[in-house]
N, C-alpha and C. Protein backbone atom coordinates (compact mmCIF):
# COMPACT_ATOMS: atom_id res chain seq x y z
N MET A 1 -45.96 -21.05 -101.55
CA MET A 1 -45.48 -19.88 -100.86
C MET A 1 -44.79 -20.25 -99.53
N ALA A 2 -45.32 -21.22 -98.86
CA ALA A 2 -44.72 -21.66 -97.60
C ALA A 2 -43.32 -22.21 -97.85
N GLN A 3 -43.10 -22.84 -98.98
CA GLN A 3 -41.79 -23.39 -99.31
C GLN A 3 -40.77 -22.27 -99.49
N THR A 4 -41.12 -21.20 -100.16
CA THR A 4 -40.17 -20.11 -100.36
C THR A 4 -39.86 -19.41 -99.05
N GLN A 5 -40.85 -19.27 -98.16
CA GLN A 5 -40.58 -18.68 -96.85
C GLN A 5 -39.62 -19.56 -96.06
N LYS A 6 -39.81 -20.86 -96.17
CA LYS A 6 -38.94 -21.81 -95.47
C LYS A 6 -37.52 -21.71 -96.05
N GLU A 7 -37.41 -21.62 -97.36
CA GLU A 7 -36.11 -21.49 -98.00
C GLU A 7 -35.43 -20.19 -97.60
N LYS A 8 -36.21 -19.10 -97.55
CA LYS A 8 -35.66 -17.81 -97.13
C LYS A 8 -35.16 -17.88 -95.69
N LEU A 9 -35.92 -18.51 -94.84
CA LEU A 9 -35.53 -18.66 -93.44
C LEU A 9 -34.26 -19.50 -93.31
N MET A 10 -34.19 -20.58 -94.08
CA MET A 10 -32.99 -21.44 -94.04
C MET A 10 -31.77 -20.67 -94.55
N GLU A 11 -31.95 -19.88 -95.59
CA GLU A 11 -30.85 -19.07 -96.13
C GLU A 11 -30.39 -18.03 -95.10
N LYS A 12 -31.37 -17.41 -94.43
CA LYS A 12 -31.05 -16.43 -93.40
C LYS A 12 -30.27 -17.09 -92.26
N GLU A 13 -30.70 -18.26 -91.83
CA GLU A 13 -30.00 -18.99 -90.75
C GLU A 13 -28.60 -19.37 -91.19
N LYS A 14 -28.44 -19.76 -92.44
CA LYS A 14 -27.13 -20.12 -92.97
C LYS A 14 -26.19 -18.91 -92.94
N LYS A 15 -26.70 -17.75 -93.35
CA LYS A 15 -25.89 -16.53 -93.33
C LYS A 15 -25.50 -16.16 -91.90
N GLN A 16 -26.45 -16.30 -90.98
CA GLN A 16 -26.16 -16.00 -89.58
C GLN A 16 -25.10 -16.94 -89.01
N ALA A 17 -25.18 -18.20 -89.39
CA ALA A 17 -24.19 -19.17 -88.93
C ALA A 17 -22.81 -18.83 -89.47
N GLU A 18 -22.74 -18.44 -90.73
CA GLU A 18 -21.46 -18.05 -91.33
C GLU A 18 -20.89 -16.81 -90.65
N GLU A 19 -21.76 -15.85 -90.38
CA GLU A 19 -21.33 -14.63 -89.69
C GLU A 19 -20.83 -14.95 -88.28
N LEU A 20 -21.51 -15.85 -87.61
CA LEU A 20 -21.08 -16.27 -86.28
C LEU A 20 -19.70 -16.93 -86.33
N LYS A 21 -19.48 -17.76 -87.34
CA LYS A 21 -18.17 -18.40 -87.49
C LYS A 21 -17.08 -17.35 -87.69
N ARG A 22 -17.35 -16.37 -88.55
CA ARG A 22 -16.37 -15.31 -88.80
C ARG A 22 -16.09 -14.51 -87.53
N THR A 23 -17.15 -14.20 -86.81
CA THR A 23 -17.01 -13.43 -85.57
C THR A 23 -16.18 -14.20 -84.55
N ARG A 24 -16.46 -15.48 -84.41
CA ARG A 24 -15.68 -16.31 -83.46
C ARG A 24 -14.22 -16.37 -83.87
N ALA A 25 -13.97 -16.50 -85.17
CA ALA A 25 -12.59 -16.54 -85.65
C ALA A 25 -11.88 -15.22 -85.36
N GLN A 26 -12.58 -14.11 -85.57
CA GLN A 26 -11.98 -12.81 -85.28
C GLN A 26 -11.69 -12.65 -83.79
N LEU A 27 -12.62 -13.08 -82.97
CA LEU A 27 -12.42 -12.99 -81.52
C LEU A 27 -11.23 -13.84 -81.07
N LYS A 28 -11.13 -15.02 -81.64
CA LYS A 28 -10.02 -15.90 -81.29
C LYS A 28 -8.68 -15.27 -81.70
N GLN A 29 -8.66 -14.66 -82.88
CA GLN A 29 -7.44 -14.00 -83.35
C GLN A 29 -7.08 -12.83 -82.44
N ILE A 30 -8.06 -12.04 -82.06
CA ILE A 30 -7.81 -10.91 -81.16
C ILE A 30 -7.29 -11.41 -79.82
N GLU A 31 -7.90 -12.47 -79.31
CA GLU A 31 -7.47 -13.04 -78.03
C GLU A 31 -6.03 -13.53 -78.11
N THR A 32 -5.70 -14.19 -79.20
CA THR A 32 -4.34 -14.69 -79.40
C THR A 32 -3.34 -13.54 -79.44
N GLU A 33 -3.69 -12.48 -80.17
CA GLU A 33 -2.81 -11.32 -80.27
C GLU A 33 -2.62 -10.65 -78.91
N GLU A 34 -3.70 -10.54 -78.15
CA GLU A 34 -3.61 -9.93 -76.82
C GLU A 34 -2.75 -10.77 -75.88
N LYS A 35 -2.90 -12.08 -75.95
CA LYS A 35 -2.07 -12.95 -75.11
C LYS A 35 -0.60 -12.79 -75.48
N LYS A 36 -0.34 -12.71 -76.79
CA LYS A 36 1.05 -12.56 -77.25
C LYS A 36 1.63 -11.24 -76.76
N LYS A 37 0.85 -10.16 -76.86
CA LYS A 37 1.31 -8.85 -76.38
C LYS A 37 1.56 -8.88 -74.88
N ALA A 38 0.65 -9.51 -74.14
CA ALA A 38 0.80 -9.59 -72.69
C ALA A 38 2.06 -10.38 -72.33
N GLN A 39 2.32 -11.47 -73.05
CA GLN A 39 3.51 -12.27 -72.79
C GLN A 39 4.78 -11.47 -73.09
N GLU A 40 4.75 -10.71 -74.18
CA GLU A 40 5.91 -9.87 -74.53
C GLU A 40 6.16 -8.82 -73.45
N GLU A 41 5.09 -8.20 -72.96
CA GLU A 41 5.23 -7.20 -71.89
C GLU A 41 5.79 -7.84 -70.62
N MET A 42 5.29 -9.02 -70.30
CA MET A 42 5.77 -9.71 -69.11
C MET A 42 7.25 -10.09 -69.28
N ASP A 43 7.61 -10.55 -70.47
CA ASP A 43 9.00 -10.89 -70.73
C ASP A 43 9.91 -9.67 -70.57
N LYS A 44 9.45 -8.52 -71.07
CA LYS A 44 10.24 -7.29 -70.93
C LYS A 44 10.41 -6.92 -69.47
N ALA A 45 9.32 -7.01 -68.72
CA ALA A 45 9.38 -6.67 -67.30
C ALA A 45 10.30 -7.63 -66.55
N LEU A 46 10.17 -8.92 -66.84
CA LEU A 46 11.04 -9.90 -66.19
C LEU A 46 12.50 -9.67 -66.53
N PHE A 47 12.75 -9.30 -67.77
CA PHE A 47 14.12 -9.02 -68.19
C PHE A 47 14.70 -7.86 -67.39
N LEU A 48 13.93 -6.78 -67.27
CA LEU A 48 14.41 -5.60 -66.54
C LEU A 48 14.63 -5.91 -65.06
N VAL A 49 13.70 -6.64 -64.47
CA VAL A 49 13.85 -7.02 -63.06
C VAL A 49 15.06 -7.93 -62.89
N GLY A 50 15.18 -8.90 -63.78
CA GLY A 50 16.31 -9.82 -63.72
C GLY A 50 17.64 -9.11 -63.88
N LYS A 51 17.66 -8.16 -64.80
CA LYS A 51 18.89 -7.40 -65.05
C LYS A 51 19.29 -6.61 -63.80
N ALA A 52 18.31 -5.99 -63.17
CA ALA A 52 18.58 -5.23 -61.94
C ALA A 52 19.04 -6.16 -60.82
N LEU A 53 18.39 -7.31 -60.69
CA LEU A 53 18.80 -8.27 -59.65
C LEU A 53 20.22 -8.77 -59.89
N MET A 54 20.52 -9.05 -61.14
CA MET A 54 21.86 -9.58 -61.43
C MET A 54 22.95 -8.54 -61.16
N LYS A 55 22.67 -7.28 -61.45
CA LYS A 55 23.65 -6.24 -61.13
C LYS A 55 23.88 -6.16 -59.63
N LYS A 56 22.78 -6.25 -58.89
CA LYS A 56 22.88 -6.19 -57.44
C LYS A 56 23.56 -7.45 -56.90
N ALA A 57 23.28 -8.59 -57.50
CA ALA A 57 23.85 -9.86 -57.02
C ALA A 57 25.36 -9.91 -57.22
N LYS A 58 25.85 -9.16 -58.17
CA LYS A 58 27.29 -9.16 -58.41
C LYS A 58 28.05 -8.68 -57.18
N ASN A 59 27.43 -7.78 -56.42
CA ASN A 59 28.08 -7.23 -55.22
C ASN A 59 27.48 -7.76 -53.92
N ASP A 60 26.49 -8.64 -54.01
CA ASP A 60 25.80 -9.13 -52.81
C ASP A 60 25.79 -10.65 -52.85
N SER A 61 26.68 -11.27 -52.08
CA SER A 61 26.82 -12.72 -52.13
C SER A 61 25.57 -13.45 -51.64
N ALA A 62 24.85 -12.89 -50.69
CA ALA A 62 23.62 -13.53 -50.20
C ALA A 62 22.56 -13.56 -51.31
N LEU A 63 22.41 -12.47 -52.01
CA LEU A 63 21.45 -12.42 -53.12
C LEU A 63 21.88 -13.36 -54.23
N LYS A 64 23.18 -13.41 -54.48
CA LYS A 64 23.71 -14.33 -55.50
C LYS A 64 23.34 -15.76 -55.14
N GLU A 65 23.51 -16.12 -53.90
CA GLU A 65 23.19 -17.48 -53.46
C GLU A 65 21.70 -17.77 -53.59
N ILE A 66 20.88 -16.80 -53.22
CA ILE A 66 19.42 -16.96 -53.36
C ILE A 66 19.04 -17.18 -54.82
N LEU A 67 19.59 -16.36 -55.71
CA LEU A 67 19.28 -16.51 -57.14
C LEU A 67 19.69 -17.88 -57.66
N LEU A 68 20.88 -18.29 -57.33
CA LEU A 68 21.38 -19.57 -57.83
C LEU A 68 20.58 -20.74 -57.26
N ASN A 69 20.18 -20.65 -56.00
CA ASN A 69 19.42 -21.74 -55.37
C ASN A 69 17.98 -21.83 -55.88
N ASN A 70 17.46 -20.75 -56.41
CA ASN A 70 16.06 -20.74 -56.84
C ASN A 70 15.89 -20.91 -58.35
N LEU A 71 16.95 -21.15 -59.06
CA LEU A 71 16.82 -21.34 -60.51
C LEU A 71 16.01 -22.58 -60.84
N ASP A 72 16.05 -23.58 -59.98
CA ASP A 72 15.32 -24.82 -60.25
C ASP A 72 13.81 -24.61 -60.25
N GLY A 73 13.34 -23.57 -59.58
CA GLY A 73 11.91 -23.29 -59.53
C GLY A 73 11.37 -22.65 -60.80
N LEU A 74 12.27 -22.19 -61.65
CA LEU A 74 11.83 -21.56 -62.89
C LEU A 74 11.54 -22.60 -63.96
N ASN A 75 10.70 -22.25 -64.92
CA ASN A 75 10.48 -23.17 -66.02
C ASN A 75 11.73 -23.19 -66.90
N ASP A 76 11.83 -24.11 -67.80
CA ASP A 76 13.05 -24.31 -68.59
C ASP A 76 13.48 -23.04 -69.33
N ARG A 77 12.52 -22.38 -69.98
CA ARG A 77 12.87 -21.20 -70.78
C ARG A 77 13.43 -20.10 -69.89
N ASP A 78 12.77 -19.79 -68.79
CA ASP A 78 13.22 -18.74 -67.89
C ASP A 78 14.51 -19.14 -67.18
N GLY A 79 14.60 -20.39 -66.78
CA GLY A 79 15.79 -20.86 -66.10
C GLY A 79 17.03 -20.77 -66.98
N LYS A 80 16.89 -21.15 -68.25
CA LYS A 80 18.00 -21.05 -69.18
C LYS A 80 18.40 -19.59 -69.40
N PHE A 81 17.39 -18.73 -69.50
CA PHE A 81 17.66 -17.31 -69.69
C PHE A 81 18.45 -16.74 -68.51
N VAL A 82 17.97 -17.04 -67.30
CA VAL A 82 18.62 -16.50 -66.10
C VAL A 82 20.04 -17.05 -65.97
N ARG A 83 20.18 -18.36 -66.21
CA ARG A 83 21.53 -18.93 -66.13
C ARG A 83 22.47 -18.27 -67.13
N GLY A 84 21.98 -18.06 -68.34
CA GLY A 84 22.79 -17.40 -69.37
C GLY A 84 23.18 -15.99 -68.96
N GLN A 85 22.24 -15.25 -68.38
CA GLN A 85 22.54 -13.89 -67.94
C GLN A 85 23.53 -13.89 -66.78
N LEU A 86 23.38 -14.85 -65.87
CA LEU A 86 24.31 -14.93 -64.74
C LEU A 86 25.72 -15.25 -65.24
N GLU A 87 25.81 -16.12 -66.23
CA GLU A 87 27.11 -16.44 -66.79
C GLU A 87 27.73 -15.23 -67.47
N LYS A 88 26.90 -14.43 -68.13
CA LYS A 88 27.41 -13.23 -68.81
C LYS A 88 28.08 -12.26 -67.86
N ILE A 89 27.52 -12.14 -66.65
CA ILE A 89 28.11 -11.19 -65.71
C ILE A 89 29.10 -11.87 -64.76
N GLY A 90 29.35 -13.13 -65.00
CA GLY A 90 30.38 -13.83 -64.24
C GLY A 90 29.96 -14.35 -62.89
N LEU A 91 28.70 -14.67 -62.73
CA LEU A 91 28.25 -15.25 -61.44
C LEU A 91 28.23 -16.75 -61.52
């Protein structure tokens, strides 16, 4: 009888471990999706701010100079994006 109780306990622990693995995987997936959504929202916001700055920079030489001088501080992806947008509007 002690053997069957031990087997039942081991089976229960195995099921709990499997459930824990599934739960961790689900949490990781949710976290990944939330990070992706947050990055997309940030990209949208940066795009809108950048677009507004570039429109203003077209008529403001001091702002244009500030934007161009600070492109080096951006990471490659953002820097390429900003440079491309500046080229589009002729800065």
